């Protein structure tokens, strides 16, 4: 047999073996991975992961993968309520903020700095906001809200005596990152600085914040979505400081009783939903990292980034289009397509944040 013929036969056999091996690997059950996500981004991520899985994604050009979604807020993770160990952990984690990754440990590394964004926004029924801001002459922000919280009754600041005591809302700061972020924003407003390390331990700040916490009628009743509770009308909640996405998703119910007015705080703690990958030196695998990288690419794709606005979130970069329905219908109430988010609060160290959380818990229990 001629040498050239032998080479051709060997080539065909090798190629056949490669194709056969590839088809065999593709026919095997997919490798299963989990992505944990903060509740604020859960619905978008769940829909995007379903699309990702339906595309039959591969790593290493041959191995099929699938992701499942589990939902958890950030605080149970970095405070240790959840047992994420080298033997049992999500391959990917999408917390509300990269601060949570820093607080947790060095076992996760931020792979993508942001997948979506939502700022914190003040919102209140127009009748109440008009009283606090002298019909819009002032800004609805921490100073005006603290003033009415300290006064306790609306009649003390010129409001209708029938409104009785002020009813505020924000996320529970010992259970949700959005609630803790609200305290960070408040600390920045109190000190008039974005760098709040040390401020949250200040007794003067805590005394200033206590009336605001005391003005929340019942954190348990508010649940995970205070905007939905506020949609029951001003008899439940009158003013709240919440993620923009929660406001947008509940806008129709919120405006049933009377118009609502939104206002962005001077000091913002932006929730930017990074994607982190498990990075423990002894247990991290190449397949795990490759799978999370593939998921990251998918979530940042044009189609999935275009979809985030349907869930009240902003894309990782740029602003929502003026045609984005949830945003467009809220513009008349004060939601901005391009808000000023330049004064971003720098979170304090983990030990200080833990101290603030514990103080909050003790204050609520009084």
Protein backbone atom coordinates (compact mmCIF):
# COMPACT_ATOMS: atom_id res chain seq x y z
CA UNK A 1 0.00 0.00 0.00
CA UNK A 2 1.34 3.38 -0.92
CA UNK A 3 2.49 5.68 1.85
CA UNK A 4 0.12 8.47 0.74
CA UNK A 5 -2.83 6.10 0.91
CA UNK A 6 -1.85 5.01 4.44
CA UNK A 7 -1.66 8.65 5.56
CA UNK A 8 -5.15 9.34 4.17
CA UNK A 9 -6.58 6.27 5.93
CA UNK A 10 -4.95 7.21 9.23
CA UNK A 11 -6.29 10.76 8.89
CA UNK A 12 -9.82 9.47 8.26
CA UNK A 13 -9.60 7.13 11.25
CA UNK A 14 -8.34 9.88 13.57
CA UNK A 15 -10.97 12.32 12.34
CA UNK A 16 -13.64 9.69 12.82
CA UNK A 17 -12.42 9.00 16.34
CA UNK A 18 -12.53 12.72 17.18
CA UNK A 19 -16.04 13.11 15.77
CA UNK A 20 -17.15 9.97 17.58
CA UNK A 21 -15.68 11.15 20.87
CA UNK A 22 -17.30 14.56 20.42
CA UNK A 23 -20.69 13.02 19.68
CA UNK A 24 -20.31 10.70 22.66
CA UNK A 25 -19.56 13.61 25.01
CA UNK A 26 -22.44 15.63 23.59
CA UNK A 27 -24.77 12.70 24.22
CA UNK A 28 -23.80 12.51 27.89
CA UNK A 29 -25.89 14.23 30.58
CA UNK A 30 -24.87 17.88 30.98
CA UNK A 31 -22.71 19.04 33.83
CA UNK A 32 -24.99 20.73 36.38
CA UNK A 33 -24.09 24.03 38.03
CA UNK A 34 -25.95 26.44 40.29
CA UNK A 35 -26.12 30.22 40.24
CA UNK A 36 -27.29 31.99 43.40
CA UNK A 37 -28.93 35.37 42.82
CA UNK A 38 -30.22 38.25 44.90
CA UNK A 39 -34.05 38.44 44.88
CA UNK A 40 -34.04 41.83 43.14
CA UNK A 41 -32.54 40.29 39.99
CA UNK A 42 -34.00 36.80 40.35
CA UNK A 43 -36.82 36.98 37.81
CA UNK A 44 -34.57 38.34 35.07
CA UNK A 45 -31.80 35.85 35.83
CA UNK A 46 -34.24 32.93 35.93
CA UNK A 47 -35.64 33.82 32.51
CA UNK A 48 -32.15 34.38 31.08
CA UNK A 49 -30.86 31.07 32.48
CA UNK A 50 -33.84 29.26 30.94
CA UNK A 51 -32.87 30.77 27.59
CA UNK A 52 -29.24 29.84 28.19
CA UNK A 53 -30.09 26.22 28.97
CA UNK A 54 -32.38 26.00 25.94
CA UNK A 55 -29.45 26.98 23.71
CA UNK A 56 -27.67 23.74 24.74
CA UNK A 57 -24.45 25.51 25.76
CA UNK A 58 -21.09 23.76 25.58
CA UNK A 59 -17.76 24.22 27.28
CA UNK A 60 -14.54 22.91 25.78
CA UNK A 61 -16.51 22.65 22.52
CA UNK A 62 -17.92 19.27 23.55
CA UNK A 63 -19.26 19.17 27.10
CA UNK A 64 -22.87 20.21 27.64
CA UNK A 65 -23.72 22.29 30.72
CA UNK A 66 -26.88 23.43 32.49
CA UNK A 67 -27.51 25.95 35.26
CA UNK A 68 -30.17 25.97 37.95
CA UNK A 69 -31.11 29.11 39.91
CA UNK A 70 -31.35 29.53 43.67
CA UNK A 71 -32.44 32.78 45.28
CA UNK A 72 -30.90 34.32 48.39
CA UNK A 73 -30.27 37.79 49.70
CA UNK A 74 -26.67 38.80 50.36
CA UNK A 75 -26.75 39.03 54.15
CA UNK A 76 -27.37 35.33 54.88
CA UNK A 77 -24.33 34.57 52.73
CA UNK A 78 -21.72 36.90 54.17
CA UNK A 79 -23.06 36.66 57.70
CA UNK A 80 -22.78 32.87 57.62
CA UNK A 81 -26.44 31.80 57.85
CA UNK A 82 -25.94 29.77 54.68
CA UNK A 83 -23.32 27.03 54.71
CA UNK A 84 -21.45 27.45 51.45
CA UNK A 85 -18.51 25.10 51.75
CA UNK A 86 -15.88 23.73 49.37
CA UNK A 87 -18.02 20.61 49.10
CA UNK A 88 -21.34 22.40 48.57
CA UNK A 89 -21.57 25.83 46.97
CA UNK A 90 -23.01 27.63 43.94
CA UNK A 91 -20.54 27.86 41.09
CA UNK A 92 -21.77 31.40 40.43
CA UNK A 93 -23.15 34.09 42.69
CA UNK A 94 -24.97 37.28 41.69
CA UNK A 95 -25.28 39.39 44.85
CA UNK A 96 -26.75 42.88 44.93
CA UNK A 97 -23.29 44.44 45.19
CA UNK A 98 -19.60 43.54 44.99
CA UNK A 99 -19.35 44.72 48.59
CA UNK A 100 -21.04 41.46 49.56
CA UNK A 101 -18.35 39.46 47.77
CA UNK A 102 -15.70 41.37 49.71
CA UNK A 103 -17.56 40.80 52.97
CA UNK A 104 -17.99 37.06 52.39
CA UNK A 105 -14.48 35.71 51.85
CA UNK A 106 -11.84 35.28 49.18
CA UNK A 107 -13.51 32.08 47.93
CA UNK A 108 -15.44 34.04 45.32
CA UNK A 109 -13.89 36.33 42.75
CA UNK A 110 -15.83 38.93 40.77
CA UNK A 111 -15.78 37.82 37.16
CA UNK A 112 -18.12 40.51 35.80
CA UNK A 113 -18.40 43.80 37.68
CA UNK A 114 -22.03 44.41 36.75
CA UNK A 115 -24.83 42.54 34.99
CA UNK A 116 -27.60 45.05 35.73
CA UNK A 117 -28.17 48.03 38.03
CA UNK A 118 -30.81 49.61 40.22
CA UNK A 119 -30.37 52.72 42.38
CA UNK A 120 -32.17 53.48 45.64
CA UNK A 121 -35.00 55.99 45.28
CA UNK A 122 -37.24 57.91 47.67
CA UNK A 123 -40.93 57.70 46.94
CA UNK A 124 -43.92 59.16 48.71
CA UNK A 125 -47.55 60.00 48.22
CA UNK A 126 -47.86 63.51 46.80
CA UNK A 127 -49.94 64.89 49.68
CA UNK A 128 -47.23 63.94 52.19
CA UNK A 129 -44.26 64.91 50.03
CA UNK A 130 -45.77 68.34 49.35
CA UNK A 131 -45.90 68.99 53.10
CA UNK A 132 -42.29 67.87 53.64
CA UNK A 133 -40.84 69.76 50.70
CA UNK A 134 -42.93 72.94 50.79
CA UNK A 135 -44.64 71.89 47.57
CA UNK A 136 -41.39 70.97 45.88
CA UNK A 137 -39.25 73.86 47.08
CA UNK A 138 -37.04 71.37 48.94
CA UNK A 139 -35.74 67.93 48.03
CA UNK A 140 -37.33 64.76 49.37
CA UNK A 141 -34.25 63.20 50.93
CA UNK A 142 -32.89 62.08 54.28
CA UNK A 143 -33.01 65.52 55.91
CA UNK A 144 -36.71 66.12 55.24
CA UNK A 145 -37.64 62.54 56.11
CA UNK A 146 -35.65 62.62 59.36
CA UNK A 147 -37.40 65.85 60.30
CA UNK A 148 -40.87 64.33 60.09
CA UNK A 149 -39.70 61.10 61.73
CA UNK A 150 -38.32 63.09 64.64
CA UNK A 151 -41.55 65.08 64.90
CA UNK A 152 -43.52 61.79 64.71
CA UNK A 153 -46.90 63.36 63.85
CA UNK A 154 -47.82 65.04 60.58
CA UNK A 155 -49.64 67.80 62.42
CA UNK A 156 -46.29 68.87 63.94
CA UNK A 157 -45.01 69.90 60.49
CA UNK A 158 -48.20 71.38 59.08
CA UNK A 159 -49.77 68.20 57.76
CA UNK A 160 -53.34 66.99 58.12
CA UNK A 161 -53.93 65.82 61.70
CA UNK A 162 -56.02 62.96 60.33
CA UNK A 163 -52.83 61.42 58.92
CA UNK A 164 -51.66 60.96 62.50
CA UNK A 165 -48.18 59.41 62.81
CA UNK A 166 -45.73 59.18 59.90
CA UNK A 167 -45.40 55.74 58.30
CA UNK A 168 -42.06 55.05 56.59
CA UNK A 169 -40.59 51.97 54.91
CA UNK A 170 -37.31 50.54 53.65
CA UNK A 171 -35.86 47.07 53.43
CA UNK A 172 -35.06 45.31 56.70
CA UNK A 173 -31.37 46.07 57.16
CA UNK A 174 -30.55 42.83 58.99
CA UNK A 175 -32.12 40.68 56.28
CA UNK A 176 -31.66 42.46 52.95
CA UNK A 177 -28.76 44.20 51.25
CA UNK A 178 -31.11 46.90 49.97
CA UNK A 179 -32.06 47.64 53.57
CA UNK A 180 -28.44 47.83 54.69
CA UNK A 181 -27.66 49.99 51.65
CA UNK A 182 -30.37 52.37 52.86
CA UNK A 183 -28.53 52.76 56.17
CA UNK A 184 -25.28 53.36 54.27
CA UNK A 185 -26.98 56.12 52.27
CA UNK A 186 -28.39 57.60 55.46
CA UNK A 187 -24.93 57.62 57.08
CA UNK A 188 -23.54 59.48 54.08
CA UNK A 189 -26.34 62.04 54.23
CA UNK A 190 -25.82 62.54 57.97
CA UNK A 191 -22.07 63.09 57.61
CA UNK A 192 -22.26 64.76 54.19
CA UNK A 193 -19.56 62.45 52.85
CA UNK A 194 -19.54 59.35 50.66
CA UNK A 195 -16.80 57.69 52.74
CA UNK A 196 -18.76 56.45 55.76
CA UNK A 197 -16.19 54.29 57.56
CA UNK A 198 -16.50 55.23 61.22
CA UNK A 199 -19.75 57.16 60.70
CA UNK A 200 -21.98 54.12 61.26
CA UNK A 201 -20.46 53.65 64.73
CA UNK A 202 -21.09 57.28 65.65
CA UNK A 203 -23.71 57.57 68.42
CA UNK A 204 -24.87 60.88 66.96
CA UNK A 205 -25.68 59.18 63.65
CA UNK A 206 -27.46 56.31 65.39
CA UNK A 207 -29.54 58.73 67.45
CA UNK A 208 -30.39 60.60 64.24
CA UNK A 209 -31.43 57.35 62.51
CA UNK A 210 -33.47 55.86 65.38
CA UNK A 211 -36.63 57.94 64.76
CA UNK A 212 -36.60 56.86 61.11
CA UNK A 213 -36.43 53.19 62.09
CA UNK A 214 -39.13 53.73 64.72
CA UNK A 215 -41.41 55.25 62.05
CA UNK A 216 -41.58 51.94 60.18
CA UNK A 217 -44.86 50.44 61.45
CA UNK A 218 -43.91 46.78 61.05
CA UNK A 219 -40.96 45.38 59.10
CA UNK A 220 -42.51 41.91 59.19
CA UNK A 221 -45.69 43.14 57.52
CA UNK A 222 -43.71 44.97 54.84
CA UNK A 223 -42.06 41.74 53.75
CA UNK A 224 -39.44 41.49 51.03
CA UNK A 225 -41.18 44.01 48.76
CA UNK A 226 -42.21 47.11 50.75
CA UNK A 227 -43.38 48.82 47.56
CA UNK A 228 -46.10 46.18 47.21
CA UNK A 229 -47.16 46.87 50.81
CA UNK A 230 -47.18 50.61 50.12
CA UNK A 231 -49.43 50.00 47.11
CA UNK A 232 -52.21 49.30 49.61
CA UNK A 233 -52.36 53.07 50.09
CA UNK A 234 -51.05 55.78 52.43
CA UNK A 235 -52.80 54.21 55.40
CA UNK A 236 -50.12 51.46 55.19
CA UNK A 237 -46.98 53.37 54.14
CA UNK A 238 -46.61 57.01 53.13
CA UNK A 239 -42.93 57.40 52.23
CA UNK A 240 -40.28 54.77 51.48
CA UNK A 241 -36.66 54.41 50.36
CA UNK A 242 -36.43 51.42 48.04
CA UNK A 243 -34.69 50.00 44.97
CA UNK A 244 -35.93 51.66 41.81
CA UNK A 245 -36.90 48.28 40.36
CA UNK A 246 -39.40 47.64 43.17
CA UNK A 247 -41.01 51.01 42.59
CA UNK A 248 -41.34 50.40 38.85
CA UNK A 249 -42.83 46.94 39.21
CA UNK A 250 -45.49 48.21 41.62
CA UNK A 251 -46.21 51.60 40.02
CA UNK A 252 -49.73 50.85 38.82
CA UNK A 253 -50.90 49.85 42.29
CA UNK A 254 -49.03 52.71 43.92
CA UNK A 255 -50.88 55.36 41.92
CA UNK A 256 -54.39 54.00 42.49
CA UNK A 257 -55.05 56.28 45.49
CA UNK A 258 -53.13 59.42 44.55
CA UNK A 259 -50.00 60.42 42.60
CA UNK A 260 -46.62 59.43 43.96
CA UNK A 261 -43.44 61.50 43.81
CA UNK A 262 -39.97 59.98 43.35
CA UNK A 263 -36.65 61.55 44.29
CA UNK A 264 -33.06 60.29 44.00
CA UNK A 265 -30.87 60.73 47.10
CA UNK A 266 -27.83 62.97 47.10
CA UNK A 267 -25.70 60.02 48.25
CA UNK A 268 -26.37 56.83 46.33
CA UNK A 269 -25.48 53.23 47.09
CA UNK A 270 -25.95 51.62 43.69
CA UNK A 271 -26.93 47.95 43.51
CA UNK A 272 -25.02 46.67 40.49
CA UNK A 273 -25.34 42.86 40.57
CA UNK A 274 -21.84 41.56 39.82
CA UNK A 275 -21.21 37.96 38.80
CA UNK A 276 -18.75 36.12 41.03
CA UNK A 277 -17.22 32.68 40.47
CA UNK A 278 -16.11 30.16 43.08
CA UNK A 279 -12.36 30.54 43.42
CA UNK A 280 -11.26 28.31 46.30
CA UNK A 281 -7.72 27.16 45.53
CA UNK A 282 -8.34 23.54 46.50
CA UNK A 283 -11.81 22.90 45.04
CA UNK A 284 -12.36 25.28 42.10
CA UNK A 285 -12.35 23.48 38.76
CA UNK A 286 -11.67 24.59 35.23
CA UNK A 287 -15.08 23.29 34.12
CA UNK A 288 -16.75 25.37 36.82
CA UNK A 289 -14.99 28.55 35.76
CA UNK A 290 -15.60 27.84 32.07
CA UNK A 291 -19.30 27.32 32.75
CA UNK A 292 -19.63 30.57 34.71
CA UNK A 293 -17.71 32.44 32.02
CA UNK A 294 -20.14 31.11 29.41
CA UNK A 295 -23.09 32.20 31.55
CA UNK A 296 -21.56 35.66 31.99
CA UNK A 297 -21.20 36.06 28.25
CA UNK A 298 -24.85 35.10 27.82
CA UNK A 299 -26.15 37.49 30.48
CA UNK A 300 -24.18 40.35 28.92
CA UNK A 301 -25.45 39.56 25.42
CA UNK A 302 -27.43 42.21 23.61
CA UNK A 303 -30.72 40.34 23.86
CA UNK A 304 -30.49 39.64 27.59
CA UNK A 305 -29.31 43.16 28.39
CA UNK A 306 -32.26 44.51 26.41
CA UNK A 307 -34.56 42.35 28.52
CA UNK A 308 -33.48 43.71 31.93
CA UNK A 309 -35.71 46.79 31.60
CA UNK A 310 -38.75 44.52 31.53
CA UNK A 311 -37.92 43.67 35.15
CA UNK A 312 -37.41 47.27 36.26
CA UNK A 313 -33.61 47.00 36.13
CA UNK A 314 -31.13 49.14 34.24
CA UNK A 315 -28.64 47.50 31.86
CA UNK A 316 -25.06 47.03 33.01
CA UNK A 317 -24.00 49.97 30.87
CA UNK A 318 -25.94 52.88 29.48
CA UNK A 319 -29.44 54.08 30.29
CA UNK A 320 -32.89 52.65 29.60
CA UNK A 321 -34.42 53.71 26.31
CA UNK A 322 -37.19 56.27 26.51
CA UNK A 323 -39.46 53.56 25.10
CA UNK A 324 -38.81 51.12 27.97
CA UNK A 325 -42.35 50.76 29.28
CA UNK A 326 -41.76 50.51 33.02
CA UNK A 327 -39.46 53.53 32.99
CA UNK A 328 -41.50 55.59 30.54
CA UNK A 329 -44.69 55.35 32.57
CA UNK A 330 -42.83 56.46 35.73
CA UNK A 331 -41.08 59.53 34.28
CA UNK A 332 -44.03 61.82 35.05
CA UNK A 333 -43.69 60.83 38.73
CA UNK A 334 -39.99 61.67 38.95
CA UNK A 335 -38.16 58.58 37.70
CA UNK A 336 -35.20 59.68 35.59
CA UNK A 337 -33.67 57.87 32.64
CA UNK A 338 -30.30 59.50 33.39
CA UNK A 339 -30.14 60.25 37.13
CA UNK A 340 -27.02 61.70 38.69
CA UNK A 341 -25.33 58.71 40.34
CA UNK A 342 -21.89 60.26 40.77
CA UNK A 343 -21.88 60.54 44.58
CA UNK A 344 -21.58 56.84 45.32
CA UNK A 345 -21.26 55.72 48.93
CA UNK A 346 -18.16 53.70 49.85
CA UNK A 347 -19.20 50.84 52.13
CA UNK A 348 -17.49 50.51 55.52
CA UNK A 349 -15.38 47.47 56.46
CA UNK A 350 -17.18 44.19 57.17
CA UNK A 351 -16.81 44.37 60.95
CA UNK A 352 -18.35 47.83 60.96
CA UNK A 353 -21.21 46.69 58.73
CA UNK A 354 -21.85 43.77 61.09
CA UNK A 355 -21.94 46.16 64.03
CA UNK A 356 -24.47 48.34 62.20
CA UNK A 357 -26.64 45.31 61.43
CA UNK A 358 -26.60 44.22 65.07
CA UNK A 359 -27.45 47.74 66.24
CA UNK A 360 -30.36 47.82 63.78
CA UNK A 361 -31.68 44.47 65.06
CA UNK A 362 -31.51 45.68 68.66
CA UNK A 363 -33.21 48.96 67.75
CA UNK A 364 -36.09 47.22 65.98
CA UNK A 365 -36.65 44.92 68.98
CA UNK A 366 -37.04 47.78 71.46
